[in-house]
Amino acid sequence: MSSVASHDSAAVSVASPERGTSLRAQALADRLIQGGDALAAFASGLSDAEWQTRLQKDGRKIGVVVHHVASVYPVEMELARAVASGHPVTGLTPADIDQMNARHAVEHDNATREATLNLLRRNSADAAAAIRTLSDDELDRAVLVSLYSYAPLTCQFVLEDHAVRHSYHHLARIRATLGR
């Protein structure tokens, strides 16, 4: 096992990649799992009142946001797989993402902690497993992506900016809202 520094400078174990797995894919998968685990650990310690607290500037309940992170992993992986396969991403805009998020917030306004944390762990593990199947060539493949004004982006960028970053991004916003 090797060790890398985490955000708080504590050592984090990173498993050796399985035979035939890209080292980069393994590292991306490990970072995704670390983020999901950090979000799950923090969320599991929230009080019921904190779970229902609305995020600053966002308005969604913390529990809804944690559920959002958990439920969107499959969508983020679908996007990454399209890029890895060399298929341009067309017709997907930031407005589409905003509508999807708003619809999710209404549909999952009463998300329970236990079910949400189970979904988060399951979907982050599935996303990490999918990332581990990607080759370096697939990670390097770039296609036009409408979500980014049709910029030519690599699969690795799409993974890092979405699936990998997502839990860290929302955990930071949750911490800011709660002041911790």
Protein backbone atom coordinates (compact mmCIF):
# COMPACT_ATOMS: atom_id res chain seq x y z
CA MET A 1 0.00 0.00 0.00
CA SER A 2 1.08 3.54 -0.67
CA SER A 3 0.03 6.68 1.13
CA VAL A 4 -1.01 10.09 -0.13
CA ALA A 5 -1.73 13.28 1.77
CA SER A 6 -5.38 14.12 2.18
CA HIS A 7 -6.92 17.57 2.49
CA ASP A 8 -6.16 17.66 6.22
CA SER A 9 -2.63 16.26 5.74
CA ALA A 10 -3.49 12.93 7.38
CA ALA A 11 -2.29 9.81 5.59
CA VAL A 12 -4.88 8.03 3.48
CA SER A 13 -4.33 4.48 2.28
CA VAL A 14 -4.63 3.89 -1.42
CA ALA A 15 -5.02 0.29 -2.50
CA SER A 16 -2.76 -1.11 -5.19
CA PRO A 17 -4.60 -1.33 -8.49
CA GLU A 18 -5.97 -4.61 -9.67
CA ARG A 19 -4.00 -6.28 -12.40
CA GLY A 20 -4.63 -4.53 -15.70
CA THR A 21 -6.24 -1.46 -14.11
CA SER A 22 -4.88 1.90 -15.16
CA LEU A 23 -3.02 3.57 -12.30
CA ARG A 24 -4.75 6.84 -13.19
CA ALA A 25 -8.17 5.20 -13.21
CA GLN A 26 -7.41 3.60 -9.85
CA ALA A 27 -6.36 6.97 -8.40
CA LEU A 28 -9.52 8.64 -9.70
CA ALA A 29 -11.66 5.84 -8.25
CA ASP A 30 -9.87 6.11 -4.91
CA ARG A 31 -10.45 9.87 -4.77
CA LEU A 32 -14.12 9.39 -5.59
CA ILE A 33 -14.49 6.83 -2.77
CA GLN A 34 -12.63 9.09 -0.33
CA GLY A 35 -15.00 11.95 -1.11
CA GLY A 36 -18.10 9.81 -0.81
CA ASP A 37 -16.85 8.34 2.45
CA ALA A 38 -16.09 11.82 3.84
CA LEU A 39 -19.57 13.04 2.93
CA ALA A 40 -21.18 9.91 4.42
CA ALA A 41 -19.16 10.18 7.64
CA PHE A 42 -20.06 13.84 8.10
CA ALA A 43 -23.73 13.35 7.21
CA SER A 44 -24.10 10.37 9.54
CA GLY A 45 -23.15 12.61 12.47
CA LEU A 46 -25.72 15.32 11.74
CA SER A 47 -28.64 15.93 14.05
CA ASP A 48 -32.15 15.64 12.64
CA ALA A 49 -32.39 19.43 12.64
CA GLU A 50 -29.11 19.74 10.72
CA TRP A 51 -30.28 17.13 8.18
CA GLN A 52 -33.28 19.44 7.52
CA THR A 53 -31.24 22.68 7.41
CA ARG A 54 -31.31 24.48 4.08
CA LEU A 55 -28.03 25.32 2.35
CA GLN A 56 -27.07 28.96 2.06
CA LYS A 57 -27.74 30.42 -1.40
CA ASP A 58 -28.98 27.01 -2.57
CA GLY A 59 -32.14 26.49 -0.54
CA ARG A 60 -32.11 22.71 -0.64
CA LYS A 61 -32.11 20.76 2.60
CA ILE A 62 -28.79 19.17 3.54
CA GLY A 63 -30.39 15.71 3.42
CA VAL A 64 -31.67 16.42 -0.10
CA VAL A 65 -28.20 17.54 -1.21
CA VAL A 66 -26.58 14.38 0.16
CA HIS A 67 -29.26 12.34 -1.65
CA HIS A 68 -28.55 14.38 -4.79
CA VAL A 69 -24.85 13.49 -4.69
CA ALA A 70 -25.72 9.83 -4.16
CA SER A 71 -28.31 9.65 -6.91
CA VAL A 72 -26.38 11.50 -9.61
CA TYR A 73 -23.32 9.19 -9.70
CA PRO A 74 -24.93 6.98 -12.40
CA VAL A 75 -25.70 10.04 -14.56
CA GLU A 76 -22.16 11.37 -14.13
CA MET A 77 -20.75 7.99 -15.11
CA GLU A 78 -22.99 7.84 -18.18
CA LEU A 79 -21.55 11.19 -19.25
CA ALA A 80 -17.97 10.01 -18.63
CA ARG A 81 -18.56 6.74 -20.51
CA ALA A 82 -19.90 8.68 -23.51
CA VAL A 83 -16.75 10.79 -23.59
CA ALA A 84 -14.52 7.74 -23.06
CA SER A 85 -16.24 6.08 -26.03
CA GLY A 86 -15.57 9.10 -28.24
CA HIS A 87 -19.21 10.23 -28.47
CA PRO A 88 -19.67 14.01 -28.40
CA VAL A 89 -22.05 15.22 -25.70
CA THR A 90 -24.71 17.40 -27.31
CA GLY A 91 -27.85 19.05 -26.06
CA LEU A 92 -26.88 19.02 -22.37
CA THR A 93 -26.77 22.50 -20.86
CA PRO A 94 -26.31 24.01 -17.41
CA ALA A 95 -30.03 24.86 -17.51
CA ASP A 96 -30.79 21.15 -17.96
CA ILE A 97 -28.70 20.36 -14.89
CA ASP A 98 -30.50 23.08 -12.90
CA GLN A 99 -33.89 21.62 -13.91
CA MET A 100 -32.79 18.09 -13.02
CA ASN A 101 -31.56 19.31 -9.61
CA ALA A 102 -34.78 21.25 -8.94
CA ARG A 103 -36.92 18.24 -9.87
CA HIS A 104 -34.80 16.00 -7.64
CA ALA A 105 -35.17 18.42 -4.70
CA VAL A 106 -38.96 18.28 -4.93
CA GLU A 107 -39.12 14.51 -5.41
CA HIS A 108 -36.72 13.75 -2.54
CA ASP A 109 -37.60 16.50 -0.06
CA ASN A 110 -38.12 13.90 2.67
CA ALA A 111 -35.03 11.78 1.99
CA THR A 112 -34.21 9.70 5.04
CA ARG A 113 -30.68 9.59 6.37
CA GLU A 114 -30.31 5.79 6.44
CA ALA A 115 -31.61 5.22 2.91
CA THR A 116 -29.61 8.18 1.59
CA LEU A 117 -26.34 7.02 3.15
CA ASN A 118 -26.89 3.49 1.83
CA LEU A 119 -27.50 4.92 -1.66
CA LEU A 120 -24.41 7.12 -1.36
CA ARG A 121 -22.18 4.18 -0.42
CA ARG A 122 -23.63 1.86 -3.07
CA ASN A 123 -23.55 4.37 -5.93
CA SER A 124 -20.09 5.68 -5.08
CA ALA A 125 -18.76 2.10 -5.02
CA ASP A 126 -20.44 1.39 -8.38
CA ALA A 127 -19.03 4.60 -9.87
CA ALA A 128 -15.53 3.77 -8.60
CA ALA A 129 -15.79 0.28 -10.08
CA ALA A 130 -16.81 1.79 -13.43
CA ILE A 131 -13.89 4.24 -13.34
CA ARG A 132 -11.47 1.36 -12.70
CA THR A 133 -12.51 -0.20 -16.04
CA LEU A 134 -11.25 2.82 -18.00
CA SER A 135 -7.95 2.69 -19.83
CA ASP A 136 -5.51 5.57 -20.06
CA ASP A 137 -6.52 5.98 -23.71
CA GLU A 138 -10.16 6.33 -22.67
CA LEU A 139 -9.26 8.79 -19.90
CA ASP A 140 -7.33 10.86 -22.47
CA ARG A 141 -10.06 10.78 -25.14
CA ALA A 142 -11.49 14.25 -25.80
CA VAL A 143 -14.80 15.11 -27.42
CA LEU A 144 -16.97 18.20 -27.70
CA VAL A 145 -19.12 18.62 -24.58
CA SER A 146 -22.16 20.91 -24.80
CA LEU A 147 -22.27 21.37 -21.02
CA TYR A 148 -19.00 23.31 -21.44
CA SER A 149 -19.92 25.38 -24.51
CA TYR A 150 -18.79 22.53 -26.78
CA ALA A 151 -15.20 22.66 -25.55
CA PRO A 152 -13.21 19.51 -26.40
CA LEU A 153 -12.76 17.83 -23.01
CA THR A 154 -11.19 14.59 -21.87
CA CYS A 155 -12.95 11.84 -20.00
CA GLN A 156 -10.57 12.41 -17.09
CA PHE A 157 -11.59 16.07 -16.89
CA VAL A 158 -15.27 15.17 -16.97
CA LEU A 159 -14.73 12.64 -14.17
CA GLU A 160 -12.70 15.05 -12.06
CA ASP A 161 -15.12 17.93 -12.55
CA HIS A 162 -18.23 15.86 -11.85
CA ALA A 163 -18.20 12.44 -10.22
CA VAL A 164 -14.93 12.85 -8.30
CA ARG A 165 -15.42 16.49 -7.22
CA HIS A 166 -19.12 16.33 -6.47
CA SER A 167 -19.05 14.99 -2.92
CA TYR A 168 -16.16 17.28 -1.91
CA HIS A 169 -17.96 20.31 -3.36
CA HIS A 170 -21.21 19.66 -1.52
CA LEU A 171 -19.48 18.64 1.72
CA ALA A 172 -17.71 22.02 1.73
CA ARG A 173 -21.02 23.82 1.17
CA ILE A 174 -22.70 21.82 3.93
CA ARG A 175 -19.85 22.59 6.34
CA ALA A 176 -20.06 26.31 5.46
CA THR A 177 -23.80 26.34 6.08
CA LEU A 178 -23.38 24.66 9.46
CA GLY A 179 -20.31 26.70 10.36
CA ARG A 180 -18.04 23.69 10.90
